[in-house]
PDB file of N, CA and C in Angstrom:
ATOM      1  N   MET A   1     -35.714  19.170  -1.044  1.00  0.00           N
ATOM      2  CA  MET A   1     -36.288  18.650   0.176  1.00  0.00           C
ATOM      3  C   MET A   1     -37.307  17.545  -0.116  1.00  0.00           C
ATOM      4  N   PHE A   2     -38.164  17.755  -1.122  1.00  0.00           N
ATOM      5  CA  PHE A   2     -39.200  16.782  -1.411  1.00  0.00           C
ATOM      6  C   PHE A   2     -38.854  15.898  -2.598  1.00  0.00           C
ATOM      7  N   GLY A   3     -37.698  16.084  -3.191  1.00  0.00           N
ATOM      8  CA  GLY A   3     -37.242  15.246  -4.293  1.00  0.00           C
ATOM      9  C   GLY A   3     -38.197  15.250  -5.465  1.00  0.00           C
ATOM     10  N   LYS A   4     -38.531  14.064  -5.941  1.00  0.00           N
ATOM     11  CA  LYS A   4     -39.401  13.931  -7.114  1.00  0.00           C
ATOM     12  C   LYS A   4     -40.773  14.532  -6.867  1.00  0.00           C
ATOM     13  N   PHE A   5     -41.260  14.462  -5.627  1.00  0.00           N
ATOM     14  CA  PHE A   5     -42.576  15.016  -5.313  1.00  0.00           C
ATOM     15  C   PHE A   5     -42.588  16.523  -5.536  1.00  0.00           C
ATOM     16  N   GLY A   6     -41.526  17.192  -5.139  1.00  0.00           N
ATOM     17  CA  GLY A   6     -41.429  18.641  -5.332  1.00  0.00           C
ATOM     18  C   GLY A   6     -41.429  18.997  -6.804  1.00  0.00           C
ATOM     19  N   GLY A   7     -40.707  18.226  -7.614  1.00  0.00           N
ATOM     20  CA  GLY A   7     -40.687  18.452  -9.052  1.00  0.00           C
ATOM     21  C   GLY A   7     -42.054  18.220  -9.670  1.00  0.00           C
ATOM     22  N   MET A   8     -42.744  17.201  -9.172  1.00  0.00           N
ATOM     23  CA  MET A   8     -44.082  16.904  -9.676  1.00  0.00           C
ATOM     24  C   MET A   8     -45.045  18.044  -9.330  1.00  0.00           C
ATOM     25  N   MET A   9     -44.896  18.598  -8.137  1.00  0.00           N
ATOM     26  CA  MET A   9     -45.757  19.720  -7.732  1.00  0.00           C
ATOM     27  C   MET A   9     -45.522  20.929  -8.628  1.00  0.00           C
ATOM     28  N   GLU A  10     -44.270  21.194  -8.982  1.00  0.00           N
ATOM     29  CA  GLU A  10     -43.963  22.313  -9.870  1.00  0.00           C
ATOM     30  C   GLU A  10     -44.577  22.083 -11.249  1.00  0.00           C
ATOM     31  N   GLN A  11     -44.526  20.851 -11.732  1.00  0.00           N
ATOM     32  CA  GLN A  11     -45.125  20.536 -13.030  1.00  0.00           C
ATOM     33  C   GLN A  11     -46.633  20.709 -12.982  1.00  0.00           C
ATOM     34  N   MET A  12     -47.253  20.330 -11.872  1.00  0.00           N
ATOM     35  CA  MET A  12     -48.702  20.490 -11.717  1.00  0.00           C
ATOM     36  C   MET A  12     -49.075  21.978 -11.720  1.00  0.00           C
ATOM     37  N   LYS A  13     -48.276  22.803 -11.052  1.00  0.00           N
ATOM     38  CA  LYS A  13     -48.533  24.241 -11.033  1.00  0.00           C
ATOM     39  C   LYS A  13     -48.417  24.825 -12.435  1.00  0.00           C
ATOM     40  N   LEU A  14     -47.395  24.395 -13.172  1.00  0.00           N
ATOM     41  CA  LEU A  14     -47.208  24.870 -14.536  1.00  0.00           C
ATOM     42  C   LEU A  14     -48.387  24.455 -15.407  1.00  0.00           C
ATOM     43  N   LEU A  15     -48.810  23.215 -15.278  1.00  0.00           N
ATOM     44  CA  LEU A  15     -49.941  22.729 -16.068  1.00  0.00           C
ATOM     45  C   LEU A  15     -51.202  23.505 -15.741  1.00  0.00           C
ATOM     46  N   GLN A  16     -51.438  23.811 -14.476  1.00  0.00           N
ATOM     47  CA  GLN A  16     -52.606  24.595 -14.086  1.00  0.00           C
ATOM     48  C   GLN A  16     -52.566  25.978 -14.732  1.00  0.00           C
ATOM     49  N   LYS A  17     -51.398  26.588 -14.751  1.00  0.00           N
ATOM     50  CA  LYS A  17     -51.262  27.907 -15.368  1.00  0.00           C
ATOM     51  C   LYS A  17     -51.463  27.824 -16.873  1.00  0.00           C
ATOM     52  N   LEU A  18     -50.909  26.785 -17.484  1.00  0.00           N
ATOM     53  CA  LEU A  18     -51.093  26.610 -18.926  1.00  0.00           C
ATOM     54  C   LEU A  18     -52.562  26.379 -19.268  1.00  0.00           C
ATOM     55  N   MET A  19     -53.268  25.621 -18.447  1.00  0.00           N
ATOM     56  CA  MET A  19     -54.669  25.325 -18.723  1.00  0.00           C
ATOM     57  C   MET A  19     -55.549  26.568 -18.644  1.00  0.00           C
ATOM     58  N   GLN A  20     -55.052  27.622 -18.029  1.00  0.00           N
ATOM     59  CA  GLN A  20     -55.794  28.880 -17.991  1.00  0.00           C
ATOM     60  C   GLN A  20     -55.665  29.636 -19.309  1.00  0.00           C
ATOM     61  N   ASP A  21     -54.717  29.244 -20.130  1.00  0.00           N
ATOM     62  CA  ASP A  21     -54.478  29.911 -21.407  1.00  0.00           C
ATOM     63  C   ASP A  21     -55.369  29.278 -22.484  1.00  0.00           C
ATOM     64  N   GLU A  22     -56.238  30.093 -23.065  1.00  0.00           N
ATOM     65  CA  GLU A  22     -57.178  29.614 -24.081  1.00  0.00           C
ATOM     66  C   GLU A  22     -56.462  28.966 -25.268  1.00  0.00           C
ATOM     67  N   ASN A  23     -55.341  29.536 -25.677  1.00  0.00           N
ATOM     68  CA  ASN A  23     -54.608  28.997 -26.826  1.00  0.00           C
ATOM     69  C   ASN A  23     -53.995  27.632 -26.514  1.00  0.00           C
ATOM     70  N   PHE A  24     -53.550  27.437 -25.283  1.00  0.00           N
ATOM     71  CA  PHE A  24     -53.026  26.127 -24.882  1.00  0.00           C
ATOM     72  C   PHE A  24     -54.143  25.092 -24.923  1.00  0.00           C
ATOM     73  N   ARG A  25     -55.310  25.465 -24.410  1.00  0.00           N
ATOM     74  CA  ARG A  25     -56.445  24.534 -24.431  1.00  0.00           C
ATOM     75  C   ARG A  25     -56.848  24.198 -25.858  1.00  0.00           C
ATOM     76  N   LYS A  26     -56.841  25.195 -26.742  1.00  0.00           N
ATOM     77  CA  LYS A  26     -57.171  24.945 -28.147  1.00  0.00           C
ATOM     78  C   LYS A  26     -56.147  24.012 -28.789  1.00  0.00           C
ATOM     79  N   PHE A  27     -54.860  24.245 -28.484  1.00  0.00           N
ATOM     80  CA  PHE A  27     -53.802  23.398 -29.024  1.00  0.00           C
ATOM     81  C   PHE A  27     -53.983  21.959 -28.547  1.00  0.00           C
ATOM     82  N   MET A  28     -54.159  21.782 -27.247  1.00  0.00           N
ATOM     83  CA  MET A  28     -54.262  20.440 -26.676  1.00  0.00           C
ATOM     84  C   MET A  28     -55.506  19.691 -27.164  1.00  0.00           C
ATOM     85  N   SER A  29     -56.570  20.410 -27.471  1.00  0.00           N
ATOM     86  CA  SER A  29     -57.802  19.745 -27.898  1.00  0.00           C
ATOM     87  C   SER A  29     -57.905  19.607 -29.419  1.00  0.00           C
ATOM     88  N   HIS A  30     -56.925  20.133 -30.127  1.00  0.00           N
ATOM     89  CA  HIS A  30     -56.953  20.037 -31.590  1.00  0.00           C
ATOM     90  C   HIS A  30     -56.925  18.556 -31.992  1.00  0.00           C
ATOM     91  N   PRO A  31     -57.756  18.169 -32.957  1.00  0.00           N
ATOM     92  CA  PRO A  31     -57.817  16.752 -33.371  1.00  0.00           C
ATOM     93  C   PRO A  31     -56.465  16.157 -33.770  1.00  0.00           C
ATOM     94  N   LYS A  32     -55.623  16.927 -34.430  1.00  0.00           N
ATOM     95  CA  LYS A  32     -54.312  16.404 -34.837  1.00  0.00           C
ATOM     96  C   LYS A  32     -53.431  16.113 -33.628  1.00  0.00           C
ATOM     97  N   VAL A  33     -53.498  16.970 -32.620  1.00  0.00           N
ATOM     98  CA  VAL A  33     -52.715  16.775 -31.402  1.00  0.00           C
ATOM     99  C   VAL A  33     -53.261  15.570 -30.633  1.00  0.00           C
ATOM    100  N   GLN A  34     -54.575  15.467 -30.565  1.00  0.00           N
ATOM    101  CA  GLN A  34     -55.194  14.333 -29.871  1.00  0.00           C
ATOM    102  C   GLN A  34     -54.802  13.003 -30.522  1.00  0.00           C
ATOM    103  N   GLU A  35     -54.738  12.977 -31.834  1.00  0.00           N
ATOM    104  CA  GLU A  35     -54.313  11.748 -32.534  1.00  0.00           C
ATOM    105  C   GLU A  35     -52.872  11.393 -32.181  1.00  0.00           C
ATOM    106  N   LEU A  36     -52.009  12.390 -32.115  1.00  0.00           N
ATOM    107  CA  LEU A  36     -50.612  12.147 -31.748  1.00  0.00           C
ATOM    108  C   LEU A  36     -50.519  11.557 -30.341  1.00  0.00           C
ATOM    109  N   PHE A  37     -51.302  12.099 -29.418  1.00  0.00           N
ATOM    110  CA  PHE A  37     -51.267  11.631 -28.035  1.00  0.00           C
ATOM    111  C   PHE A  37     -51.738  10.185 -27.895  1.00  0.00           C
ATOM    112  N   LYS A  38     -52.464   9.684 -28.862  1.00  0.00           N
ATOM    113  CA  LYS A  38     -52.958   8.303 -28.822  1.00  0.00           C
ATOM    114  C   LYS A  38     -51.892   7.292 -29.246  1.00  0.00           C
ATOM    115  N   GLU A  39     -50.830   7.763 -29.873  1.00  0.00           N
ATOM    116  CA  GLU A  39     -49.786   6.858 -30.370  1.00  0.00           C
ATOM    117  C   GLU A  39     -48.943   6.327 -29.208  1.00  0.00           C
ATOM    118  N   PRO A  40     -48.879   5.001 -29.064  1.00  0.00           N
ATOM    119  CA  PRO A  40     -48.120   4.406 -27.956  1.00  0.00           C
ATOM    120  C   PRO A  40     -46.656   4.867 -27.907  1.00  0.00           C
ATOM    121  N   GLU A  41     -46.018   4.969 -29.053  1.00  0.00           N
ATOM    122  CA  GLU A  41     -44.609   5.388 -29.069  1.00  0.00           C
ATOM    123  C   GLU A  41     -44.458   6.813 -28.533  1.00  0.00           C
ATOM    124  N   PHE A  42     -45.361   7.700 -28.924  1.00  0.00           N
ATOM    125  CA  PHE A  42     -45.290   9.078 -28.432  1.00  0.00           C
ATOM    126  C   PHE A  42     -45.626   9.127 -26.940  1.00  0.00           C
ATOM    127  N   GLN A  43     -46.553   8.297 -26.491  1.00  0.00           N
ATOM    128  CA  GLN A  43     -46.879   8.239 -25.068  1.00  0.00           C
ATOM    129  C   GLN A  43     -45.651   7.865 -24.251  1.00  0.00           C
ATOM    130  N   GLU A  44     -44.867   6.928 -24.753  1.00  0.00           N
ATOM    131  CA  GLU A  44     -43.644   6.532 -24.042  1.00  0.00           C
ATOM    132  C   GLU A  44     -42.648   7.691 -23.992  1.00  0.00           C
ATOM    133  N   ILE A  45     -42.540   8.420 -25.079  1.00  0.00           N
ATOM    134  CA  ILE A  45     -41.626   9.571 -25.098  1.00  0.00           C
ATOM    135  C   ILE A  45     -42.109  10.635 -24.121  1.00  0.00           C
ATOM    136  N   MET A  46     -43.416  10.854 -24.051  1.00  0.00           N
ATOM    137  CA  MET A  46     -43.957  11.852 -23.120  1.00  0.00           C
ATOM    138  C   MET A  46     -43.633  11.504 -21.676  1.00  0.00           C
ATOM    139  N   LYS A  47     -43.586  10.226 -21.358  1.00  0.00           N
ATOM    140  CA  LYS A  47     -43.272   9.807 -19.987  1.00  0.00           C
ATOM    141  C   LYS A  47     -41.873  10.238 -19.571  1.00  0.00           C
ATOM    142  N   THR A  48     -40.975  10.407 -20.550  1.00  0.00           N
ATOM    143  CA  THR A  48     -39.609  10.822 -20.225  1.00  0.00           C
ATOM    144  C   THR A  48     -39.542  12.298 -19.845  1.00  0.00           C
ATOM    145  N   LYS A  49     -40.576  13.065 -20.230  1.00  0.00           N
ATOM    146  CA  LYS A  49     -40.632  14.514 -19.968  1.00  0.00           C
ATOM    147  C   LYS A  49     -39.453  15.240 -20.611  1.00  0.00           C
ATOM    148  N   ASP A  50     -38.941  14.656 -21.674  1.00  0.00           N
ATOM    149  CA  ASP A  50     -37.806  15.224 -22.403  1.00  0.00           C
ATOM    150  C   ASP A  50     -38.343  15.923 -23.651  1.00  0.00           C
ATOM    151  N   PHE A  51     -38.432  17.250 -23.588  1.00  0.00           N
ATOM    152  CA  PHE A  51     -39.020  17.991 -24.699  1.00  0.00           C
ATOM    153  C   PHE A  51     -38.216  17.823 -25.976  1.00  0.00           C
ATOM    154  N   ALA A  52     -36.911  17.668 -25.857  1.00  0.00           N
ATOM    155  CA  ALA A  52     -36.086  17.471 -27.053  1.00  0.00           C
ATOM    156  C   ALA A  52     -36.493  16.187 -27.780  1.00  0.00           C
ATOM    157  N   LYS A  53     -36.742  15.117 -27.020  1.00  0.00           N
ATOM    158  CA  LYS A  53     -37.183  13.863 -27.632  1.00  0.00           C
ATOM    159  C   LYS A  53     -38.564  14.017 -28.253  1.00  0.00           C
ATOM    160  N   MET A  54     -39.452  14.735 -27.546  1.00  0.00           N
ATOM    161  CA  MET A  54     -40.809  14.938 -28.074  1.00  0.00           C
ATOM    162  C   MET A  54     -40.764  15.715 -29.384  1.00  0.00           C
ATOM    163  N   SER A  55     -40.006  16.782 -29.388  1.00  0.00           N
ATOM    164  CA  SER A  55     -39.966  17.623 -30.583  1.00  0.00           C
ATOM    165  C   SER A  55     -39.242  16.945 -31.738  1.00  0.00           C
ATOM    166  N   ALA A  56     -38.380  15.967 -31.428  1.00  0.00           N
ATOM    167  CA  ALA A  56     -37.682  15.236 -32.482  1.00  0.00           C
ATOM    168  C   ALA A  56     -38.543  14.118 -33.072  1.00  0.00           C
ATOM    169  N   TYR A  57     -39.622  13.765 -32.404  1.00  0.00           N
ATOM    170  CA  TYR A  57     -40.507  12.721 -32.903  1.00  0.00           C
ATOM    171  C   TYR A  57     -41.081  13.196 -34.241  1.00  0.00           C
ATOM    172  N   PRO A  58     -40.938  12.426 -35.305  1.00  0.00           N
ATOM    173  CA  PRO A  58     -41.318  12.886 -36.646  1.00  0.00           C
ATOM    174  C   PRO A  58     -42.737  13.440 -36.774  1.00  0.00           C
ATOM    175  N   LYS A  59     -43.703  12.786 -36.161  1.00  0.00           N
ATOM    176  CA  LYS A  59     -45.083  13.274 -36.292  1.00  0.00           C
ATOM    177  C   LYS A  59     -45.307  14.558 -35.511  1.00  0.00           C
ATOM    178  N   PHE A  60     -44.597  14.716 -34.385  1.00  0.00           N
ATOM    179  CA  PHE A  60     -44.692  15.964 -33.633  1.00  0.00           C
ATOM    180  C   PHE A  60     -44.072  17.097 -34.455  1.00  0.00           C
ATOM    181  N   ALA A  61     -42.904  16.824 -35.022  1.00  0.00           N
ATOM    182  CA  ALA A  61     -42.232  17.822 -35.855  1.00  0.00           C
ATOM    183  C   ALA A  61     -43.111  18.231 -37.033  1.00  0.00           C
ATOM    184  N   GLU A  62     -43.808  17.263 -37.606  1.00  0.00           N
ATOM    185  CA  GLU A  62     -44.706  17.552 -38.719  1.00  0.00           C
ATOM    186  C   GLU A  62     -45.871  18.438 -38.267  1.00  0.00           C
ATOM    187  N   LEU A  63     -46.401  18.173 -37.081  1.00  0.00           N
ATOM    188  CA  LEU A  63     -47.493  19.005 -36.550  1.00  0.00           C
ATOM    189  C   LEU A  63     -47.046  20.456 -36.362  1.00  0.00           C
ATOM    190  N   MET A  64     -45.798  20.633 -35.984  1.00  0.00           N
ATOM    191  CA  MET A  64     -45.304  21.985 -35.737  1.00  0.00           C
ATOM    192  C   MET A  64     -45.191  22.794 -37.030  1.00  0.00           C
ATOM    193  N   LYS A  65     -45.263  22.107 -38.163  1.00  0.00           N
ATOM    194  CA  LYS A  65     -45.257  22.799 -39.461  1.00  0.00           C
ATOM    195  C   LYS A  65     -46.660  23.248 -39.861  1.00  0.00           C
ATOM    196  N   ASP A  66     -47.675  22.761 -39.147  1.00  0.00           N
ATOM    197  CA  ASP A  66     -49.056  23.135 -39.427  1.00  0.00           C
ATOM    198  C   ASP A  66     -49.251  24.597 -39.003  1.00  0.00           C
ATOM    199  N   PRO A  67     -49.609  25.479 -39.933  1.00  0.00           N
ATOM    200  CA  PRO A  67     -49.723  26.909 -39.602  1.00  0.00           C
ATOM    201  C   PRO A  67     -50.702  27.203 -38.461  1.00  0.00           C
ATOM    202  N   GLU A  68     -51.813  26.488 -38.416  1.00  0.00           N
ATOM    203  CA  GLU A  68     -52.804  26.716 -37.361  1.00  0.00           C
ATOM    204  C   GLU A  68     -52.243  26.355 -35.987  1.00  0.00           C
ATOM    205  N   LEU A  69     -51.590  25.211 -35.893  1.00  0.00           N
ATOM    206  CA  LEU A  69     -51.020  24.786 -34.615  1.00  0.00           C
ATOM    207  C   LEU A  69     -49.835  25.658 -34.207  1.00  0.00           C
ATOM    208  N   ALA A  70     -49.011  26.014 -35.161  1.00  0.00           N
ATOM    209  CA  ALA A  70     -47.864  26.883 -34.861  1.00  0.00           C
ATOM    210  C   ALA A  70     -48.335  28.232 -34.339  1.00  0.00           C
ATOM    211  N   ALA A  71     -49.403  28.755 -34.924  1.00  0.00           N
ATOM    212  CA  ALA A  71     -49.947  30.044 -34.473  1.00  0.00           C
ATOM    213  C   ALA A  71     -50.469  29.940 -33.043  1.00  0.00           C
ATOM    214  N   LEU A  72     -51.130  28.835 -32.725  1.00  0.00           N
ATOM    215  CA  LEU A  72     -51.621  28.646 -31.354  1.00  0.00           C
ATOM    216  C   LEU A  72     -50.469  28.580 -30.362  1.00  0.00           C
ATOM    217  N   LEU A  73     -49.431  27.854 -30.715  1.00  0.00           N
ATOM    218  CA  LEU A  73     -48.278  27.739 -29.817  1.00  0.00           C
ATOM    219  C   LEU A  73     -47.624  29.084 -29.557  1.00  0.00           C
ATOM    220  N   GLN A  74     -47.534  29.898 -30.587  1.00  0.00           N
ATOM    221  CA  GLN A  74     -46.893  31.204 -30.430  1.00  0.00           C
ATOM    222  C   GLN A  74     -47.706  32.127 -29.533  1.00  0.00           C
ATOM    223  N   LYS A  75     -48.996  31.880 -29.419  1.00  0.00           N
ATOM    224  CA  LYS A  75     -49.875  32.734 -28.610  1.00  0.00           C
ATOM    225  C   LYS A  75     -49.967  32.294 -27.155  1.00  0.00           C
ATOM    226  N   ILE A  76     -49.413  31.139 -26.818  1.00  0.00           N
ATOM    227  CA  ILE A  76     -49.526  30.643 -25.445  1.00  0.00           C
ATOM    228  C   ILE A  76     -48.701  31.502 -24.520  1.00  0.00           C
ATOM    229  N   LYS A  77     -49.378  32.070 -23.531  1.00  0.00           N
ATOM    230  CA  LYS A  77     -48.711  32.954 -22.563  1.00  0.00           C
ATOM    231  C   LYS A  77     -49.294  32.703 -21.189  1.00  0.00           C
ATOM    232  N   PRO A  78     -48.849  31.659 -20.518  1.00  0.00           N
ATOM    233  CA  PRO A  78     -49.375  31.406 -19.174  1.00  0.00           C
ATOM    234  C   PRO A  78     -48.967  32.500 -18.210  1.00  0.00           C
ATOM    235  N   ASN A  79     -49.765  32.724 -17.217  1.00  0.00           N
ATOM    236  CA  ASN A  79     -49.474  33.732 -16.206  1.00  0.00           C
ATOM    237  C   ASN A  79     -48.520  33.124 -15.180  1.00  0.00           C
ATOM    238  N   PHE A  80     -47.231  33.369 -15.335  1.00  0.00           N
ATOM    239  CA  PHE A  80     -46.241  32.782 -14.443  1.00  0.00           C
ATOM    240  C   PHE A  80     -46.063  33.593 -13.168  1.00  0.00           C
ATOM    241  N   THR A  81     -46.759  34.705 -13.035  1.00  0.00           N
ATOM    242  CA  THR A  81     -46.606  35.525 -11.849  1.00  0.00           C
ATOM    243  C   THR A  81     -47.608  35.153 -10.772  1.00  0.00           C
ATOM    244  N   ALA A  82     -48.606  34.368 -11.126  1.00  0.00           N
ATOM    245  CA  ALA A  82     -49.647  34.018 -10.148  1.00  0.00           C
ATOM    246  C   ALA A  82     -49.151  32.950  -9.200  1.00  0.00           C
TER     247      ALA A  82
END
């Protein structure tokens, strides 16, 4: 019914739920993740909202090998029932 706006609203709801998760906030604020987000090429990939492309990006893939970051990702559990 609302097309792209409806999809955007769902993404906003998901982001709000994720931001309530302490581990997600720690992951997003980690210096290595922040450096990745500053890269213009990665920013362009993020605009596509294609997780497969993001995860295939070499520096993102390298970050996922970092034990500290991998542990944070595994602990992320947003409350999807709210």
